[in-house]
Protein backbone atom coordinates (compact mmCIF):
# COMPACT_ATOMS: atom_id res chain seq x y z
CA MET A 1 -0.11 0.30 -0.03
CA LYS A 2 1.27 3.36 -1.06
CA SER A 3 0.81 6.83 0.68
CA ILE A 4 2.14 10.23 -0.56
CA LYS A 5 3.44 11.93 2.72
CA GLU A 6 4.50 16.46 1.91
CA LYS A 7 8.18 16.49 2.74
CA HIS A 8 9.72 19.77 1.64
CA SER A 9 7.56 23.03 1.36
CA LEU A 10 7.67 25.00 -2.12
CA ALA A 11 9.80 28.00 -0.13
CA MET A 12 12.34 25.13 0.37
CA ARG A 13 12.62 23.56 -2.98
CA TRP A 14 12.27 27.29 -4.86
CA CYS A 15 15.50 28.37 -3.21
CA HIS A 16 17.35 25.34 -3.08
CA TRP A 17 17.19 25.07 -7.02
CA VAL A 18 17.84 29.06 -7.70
CA ASN A 19 20.79 28.37 -4.85
CA PHE A 20 22.41 25.88 -7.47
CA PRO A 21 22.96 28.35 -10.54
CA ILE A 22 23.79 31.12 -9.08
CA LEU A 23 27.17 29.41 -6.90
CA THR A 24 28.05 28.29 -10.27
CA VAL A 25 28.04 31.29 -11.84
CA MET A 26 29.58 32.60 -8.40
CA ILE A 27 32.39 29.85 -8.41
CA TRP A 28 32.85 30.75 -12.30
CA SER A 29 32.80 33.86 -12.50
CA GLY A 30 35.54 34.24 -9.17
CA MET A 31 37.69 31.64 -11.24
CA LEU A 32 38.36 34.41 -13.89
CA ILE A 33 38.81 36.84 -11.01
CA TYR A 34 40.95 34.56 -9.87
CA TRP A 35 43.10 33.82 -12.62
CA ALA A 36 44.00 37.41 -12.40
CA SER A 37 46.48 36.77 -9.29
CA ASP A 38 47.12 33.24 -9.70
CA THR A 39 49.04 32.73 -6.11
CA TYR A 40 47.90 30.49 -3.87
CA SER A 41 49.84 26.43 -3.38
CA ILE A 42 51.29 24.65 -1.40
CA THR A 43 55.01 25.14 -0.93
CA LEU A 44 57.06 23.72 1.39
CA PHE A 45 61.20 24.19 1.32
CA GLY A 46 60.41 25.68 -1.53
CA HIS A 47 59.04 23.03 -3.53
CA THR A 48 55.56 23.45 -4.65
CA TYR A 49 53.50 20.27 -4.20
CA ILE A 50 50.00 21.67 -5.03
CA LYS A 51 48.78 24.52 -7.44
CA PHE A 52 45.48 26.43 -7.37
CA PHE A 53 45.22 25.61 -10.36
CA PRO A 54 47.39 23.98 -13.26
CA ASN A 55 47.59 26.03 -16.62
CA TRP A 56 45.56 23.10 -18.46
CA PHE A 57 42.67 23.57 -16.23
CA TYR A 58 42.57 27.38 -17.62
CA THR A 59 43.10 26.68 -21.19
CA THR A 60 40.87 23.94 -20.69
CA PHE A 61 37.90 26.14 -19.57
CA ASN A 62 38.99 29.47 -21.16
CA ILE A 63 39.35 30.83 -18.09
CA PRO A 64 42.63 33.62 -19.06
CA ARG A 65 42.03 37.22 -20.15
CA ARG A 66 38.42 37.38 -18.78
CA LEU A 67 38.54 39.52 -15.71
CA ALA A 68 36.06 42.16 -16.60
CA GLU A 69 33.71 39.44 -17.67
CA GLY A 70 34.39 37.41 -14.28
CA MET A 71 34.01 40.70 -11.81
CA ALA A 72 30.94 41.74 -13.45
CA PHE A 73 29.50 38.22 -13.41
CA HIS A 74 30.47 38.28 -10.09
CA PHE A 75 29.47 41.19 -8.91
CA LEU A 76 25.62 40.95 -10.35
CA PHE A 77 25.29 37.43 -8.92
CA MET A 78 26.51 38.24 -5.37
CA TRP A 79 22.80 39.92 -4.90
CA PHE A 80 21.06 37.23 -5.99
CA PHE A 81 23.21 35.13 -4.24
CA THR A 82 22.78 37.08 -1.08
CA ILE A 83 18.85 37.91 -1.52
CA ASN A 84 18.16 34.20 -2.13
CA GLY A 85 19.75 33.09 0.86
CA ALA A 86 18.42 35.80 3.66
CA LEU A 87 14.90 34.78 2.29
CA TYR A 88 16.02 31.44 2.83
CA VAL A 89 16.93 32.27 6.35
CA LEU A 90 14.08 34.17 7.22
CA TYR A 91 12.16 31.53 6.05
CA THR A 92 13.29 28.88 8.74
CA LEU A 93 13.38 31.73 11.42
CA PHE A 94 9.27 31.82 10.94
CA SER A 95 8.31 28.75 9.99
CA GLY A 96 9.94 26.66 12.37
CA GLU A 97 12.17 24.80 10.02
CA TRP A 98 15.10 25.50 11.32
CA ARG A 99 14.22 22.79 14.42
CA GLN A 100 14.74 20.27 11.88
CA LEU A 101 18.11 21.70 10.51
CA VAL A 102 20.14 23.22 13.55
CA PRO A 103 21.84 20.02 15.21
CA LYS A 104 21.13 18.87 18.78
CA ARG A 105 23.36 18.05 21.33
CA ASN A 106 23.86 14.09 20.09
CA SER A 107 24.40 15.00 16.30
CA PHE A 108 28.07 15.00 16.22
CA LYS A 109 27.93 11.26 17.59
CA GLU A 110 25.34 10.34 15.56
CA ALA A 111 26.69 11.95 12.41
CA TRP A 112 29.71 9.37 12.55
CA GLN A 113 27.05 6.19 12.89
CA VAL A 114 25.60 7.57 9.64
CA ILE A 115 29.14 7.83 7.98
CA LEU A 116 29.70 4.53 8.98
CA HIS A 117 26.37 3.53 7.67
CA ASP A 118 26.53 4.90 4.32
CA LEU A 119 30.33 3.07 3.97
CA HIS A 120 28.00 0.18 5.00
CA ILE A 121 30.13 -0.58 8.13
CA ARG A 122 27.28 -0.33 10.31
CA LYS A 123 24.23 -2.20 9.41
CA ILE A 124 21.62 0.00 11.61
CA ALA A 125 20.64 3.60 10.50
CA PRO A 126 20.59 5.63 13.55
CA PRO A 127 17.03 7.45 14.15
CA GLN A 128 16.17 10.50 12.14
CA ASN A 129 13.24 12.87 11.08
CA LYS A 130 13.24 14.65 8.46
CA TYR A 131 17.18 15.03 8.52
CA ASN A 132 19.79 12.73 9.55
CA ALA A 133 22.54 14.39 12.28
CA ALA A 134 25.37 14.75 9.50
CA GLN A 135 22.38 16.44 7.36
CA ARG A 136 21.88 18.52 10.70
CA ILE A 137 25.25 19.59 10.41
CA SER A 138 25.95 19.78 7.03
CA TYR A 139 23.15 21.83 6.05
CA THR A 140 23.78 24.43 8.95
CA ALA A 141 27.66 24.81 8.13
CA ILE A 142 26.32 25.11 4.74
CA ILE A 143 24.52 28.29 6.25
CA ILE A 144 27.06 29.64 8.01
CA MET A 145 29.53 29.53 5.48
CA GLY A 146 27.11 31.71 3.08
CA PHE A 147 27.11 34.44 5.91
CA GLY A 148 31.07 33.91 5.61
CA SER A 149 31.37 34.47 2.48
CA LEU A 150 29.10 37.59 2.12
CA ILE A 151 31.37 39.15 5.03
CA THR A 152 35.10 37.83 3.02
CA GLY A 153 33.02 38.86 -0.42
CA LEU A 154 32.27 42.22 0.66
CA ALA A 155 35.70 42.66 2.92
CA ILE A 156 37.24 42.04 -0.70
CA TYR A 157 34.93 44.28 -2.45
CA LYS A 158 35.36 47.50 -1.41
CA PRO A 159 38.21 47.27 1.37
CA VAL A 160 38.11 50.78 2.09
CA GLN A 161 34.40 51.79 2.53
CA PHE A 162 33.79 48.41 4.24
CA ASN A 163 37.09 48.67 6.78
CA THR A 164 35.78 47.12 9.80
CA LEU A 165 34.86 44.21 7.91
CA THR A 166 38.31 43.62 6.39
CA TRP A 167 39.79 44.27 10.11
CA LEU A 168 37.47 41.70 11.06
CA CYS A 169 38.84 39.10 8.33
CA GLY A 170 42.36 39.96 9.40
CA GLY A 171 43.05 42.20 6.41
CA TYR A 172 42.36 42.22 2.65
CA HIS A 173 45.10 39.43 1.59
CA ALA A 174 43.50 37.08 4.70
CA ALA A 175 40.03 37.80 3.51
CA ARG A 176 40.55 36.55 0.47
CA ILE A 177 42.10 33.56 1.63
CA GLU A 178 39.07 32.59 3.60
CA HIS A 179 36.44 34.01 0.62
CA PHE A 180 39.00 31.20 -1.45
CA VAL A 181 38.95 28.13 0.76
CA LEU A 182 35.06 28.97 1.36
CA THR A 183 34.74 28.60 -2.32
CA ILE A 184 36.46 25.26 -1.87
CA GLY A 185 33.86 24.28 0.59
CA TYR A 186 30.85 24.57 -1.62
CA VAL A 187 32.36 22.49 -4.49
CA LEU A 188 33.15 19.64 -1.68
CA PHE A 189 29.87 19.66 -0.01
CA PHE A 190 28.08 19.94 -3.99
CA LEU A 191 30.10 16.64 -4.34
CA VAL A 192 29.34 14.51 -1.76
CA HIS A 193 25.54 16.29 -1.32
CA VAL A 194 25.88 14.86 -5.63
CA ILE A 195 26.62 11.66 -4.14
CA GLN A 196 24.43 11.01 -1.26
CA VAL A 197 21.47 12.39 -3.63
CA ILE A 198 22.77 9.22 -6.28
CA LEU A 199 23.27 6.98 -2.73
CA ALA A 200 19.44 8.02 -1.88
CA GLY A 201 17.90 7.00 -5.00
CA TRP A 202 15.34 8.54 -7.18
CA GLY A 203 12.32 8.99 -4.62
CA ASN A 204 14.36 11.20 -2.59
CA PHE A 205 15.14 13.01 -5.34
CA GLN A 206 11.93 13.49 -6.73
CA SER A 207 10.79 14.46 -3.72
CA VAL A 208 13.35 17.82 -3.64
CA ILE A 209 11.19 18.20 -6.78
CA THR A 210 7.49 18.02 -6.18
CA GLY A 211 7.41 18.15 -2.50
CA PHE A 212 5.82 15.19 -1.73
CA GLU A 213 7.94 11.42 -1.55
CA VAL A 214 5.74 8.20 -1.59
CA ILE A 215 6.22 5.85 1.05
CA ASN A 216 5.14 1.94 0.82
CA GLN A 217 3.28 1.21 4.03
CA LYS A 218 2.21 -2.44 4.92
CA PRO A 219 -1.38 -3.42 4.75
CA LYS A 220 -3.05 -3.41 8.56
CA HIS A 221 -4.11 -6.71 9.40
CA ILE A 222 -7.89 -7.13 10.05
CA ASN A 223 -8.58 -9.48 13.79
CA THR A 224 -11.70 -10.97 13.21
CA PRO A 225 -13.47 -12.22 16.08
CA ALA A 226 -12.76 -16.13 16.03
CA ALA A 227 -16.66 -18.29 15.99
CA ASP A 228 -18.13 -18.88 19.38
CA GLU A 229 -17.95 -22.65 20.20
CA LYS A 230 -20.52 -24.75 20.57
């Protein structure tokens, strides 16, 4: 027996799907800006082990010599990113949805159990409501990261006008590094999120589009009274 259960609201789905293309454009345009001063690498004792990013990366995605284009897109879509994020936070606060998202006292302990279950090391998954412990932590972290991107982005965009924000970030160069690290965090979150969606199956993905989830329920057995004994 199948039943339909409402899982995700229209506001949540709207903010979710709008945020994906916005972040994609932000990351892409950020790469165009970063190329103008490609300085970050992991270097020890004069030897560079990792460089962000190799030359073939820029050539493949046609990134070089597009600084003005990158700045134009980045500074335009940052407003969409900010507005969409603010609307989502306000929705979670006024609707009470934040209770399903904010980690609880035992969420960090249960998150390891969720990871072990996903890796097929643990057979039984910990109990959950709408979101499991790992999702609570990651979804809350992504909201905090969005706020961090806004602060560090403004510190880089207008370091003189927003000199207080720049100072709080540790200076212009520190704010730029923090902004860059947060971008890497978004990319890693995307990768893990997509893998989790694939593992969860089509039904879970469909619920984020339609807002409803089809649940298979076992039919209830109707007990009939025993026949009277003669």
